[in-house]
Amino acid sequence: MIKTFTQDDVIRYVYEETSPEENLLIEDAMMSEPELMTFFLEALELRALMNKIERQPRKSTVQNILNYSKHHSANPPTRLRHS
């Protein structure tokens, strides 16, 4: 039985979610299918670009969190139970 590999398989390969056996089969498929190899190279490039993204919260968001924490205790008193 011949296994046909898809772009989903290539993405799994890029993110190292495939077994060693699958790796060999996917690598063989990419060598024989130029479209799959092109997709692989593009996926690698996108992964590298996404790894460079740094997200920072706005200063106002940080300030809102700090203001909230000043006015709300982290350990509120427990309520007494009525018997």
Protein backbone atom coordinates (compact mmCIF):
# COMPACT_ATOMS: atom_id res chain seq x y z
CA MET A 1 0.00 0.00 0.00
CA ILE A 2 1.38 3.40 -1.00
CA LYS A 3 0.89 6.17 1.55
CA THR A 4 0.04 9.58 0.16
CA PHE A 5 1.32 12.40 2.32
CA THR A 6 -0.50 15.69 2.67
CA GLN A 7 0.44 19.19 3.74
CA ASP A 8 -0.89 18.29 7.19
CA ASP A 9 1.72 15.53 7.41
CA VAL A 10 4.43 17.99 6.40
CA ILE A 11 3.33 20.42 9.12
CA ARG A 12 3.46 17.61 11.67
CA TYR A 13 6.97 16.86 10.38
CA VAL A 14 8.03 20.51 10.67
CA TYR A 15 6.82 20.61 14.29
CA GLU A 16 8.46 17.24 15.07
CA GLU A 17 5.16 15.49 15.76
CA THR A 18 5.94 12.47 13.60
CA SER A 19 7.58 9.18 14.46
CA PRO A 20 11.04 8.28 13.16
CA GLU A 21 9.40 5.88 10.71
CA GLU A 22 7.04 8.58 9.43
CA ASN A 23 9.98 10.97 9.11
CA LEU A 24 11.69 8.67 6.64
CA LEU A 25 8.53 8.19 4.60
CA ILE A 26 7.73 11.91 4.55
CA GLU A 27 11.30 12.75 3.55
CA ASP A 28 11.08 10.25 0.69
CA ALA A 29 7.75 11.76 -0.39
CA MET A 30 9.18 15.29 -0.34
CA MET A 31 12.13 14.18 -2.46
CA SER A 32 9.82 12.74 -5.10
CA GLU A 33 7.09 15.42 -4.98
CA PRO A 34 8.36 18.94 -5.70
CA GLU A 35 5.09 20.52 -4.53
CA LEU A 36 5.43 18.85 -1.14
CA MET A 37 9.06 19.97 -0.87
CA THR A 38 8.09 23.54 -1.74
CA PHE A 39 5.39 23.47 0.92
CA PHE A 40 7.92 22.09 3.42
CA LEU A 41 10.40 24.89 2.72
CA GLU A 42 7.67 27.52 3.03
CA ALA A 43 6.45 25.98 6.29
CA LEU A 44 9.99 26.02 7.69
CA GLU A 45 10.33 29.69 6.79
CA LEU A 46 6.98 30.55 8.37
CA ARG A 47 7.90 28.68 11.53
CA ALA A 48 11.16 30.61 11.79
CA LEU A 49 9.35 33.91 11.28
CA MET A 50 6.69 33.08 13.85
CA ASN A 51 9.36 32.16 16.38
CA LYS A 52 10.71 35.71 16.09
CA ILE A 53 7.40 37.34 17.03
CA GLU A 54 7.46 38.97 20.44
CA ARG A 55 4.27 40.21 21.99
CA GLN A 56 4.19 42.91 24.62
CA PRO A 57 1.12 44.13 26.50
CA ARG A 58 0.24 47.80 26.28
CA LYS A 59 1.45 49.89 29.22
CA SER A 60 -2.16 50.72 30.07
CA THR A 61 -2.96 47.01 30.37
CA VAL A 62 -0.09 46.44 32.79
CA GLN A 63 -1.15 49.51 34.77
CA ASN A 64 -4.75 48.25 34.97
CA ILE A 65 -3.53 44.93 36.37
CA LEU A 66 -1.31 46.65 38.92
CA ASN A 67 -4.14 48.96 39.99
CA TYR A 68 -6.49 46.01 40.35
CA SER A 69 -3.97 44.08 42.46
CA LYS A 70 -3.52 47.06 44.80
CA HIS A 71 -7.22 47.13 45.59
CA HIS A 72 -7.96 43.40 45.79
CA SER A 73 -6.38 41.06 48.27
CA ALA A 74 -4.83 37.89 46.89
CA ASN A 75 -6.10 35.95 49.92
CA PRO A 76 -9.54 37.24 50.87
CA PRO A 77 -10.70 36.30 54.37
CA THR A 78 -12.73 33.12 54.56
CA ARG A 79 -16.32 33.49 55.61
CA LEU A 80 -17.47 31.90 58.80
CA ARG A 81 -20.01 29.15 58.43
CA HIS A 82 -23.30 29.45 60.23
CA SER A 83 -24.24 26.32 62.14
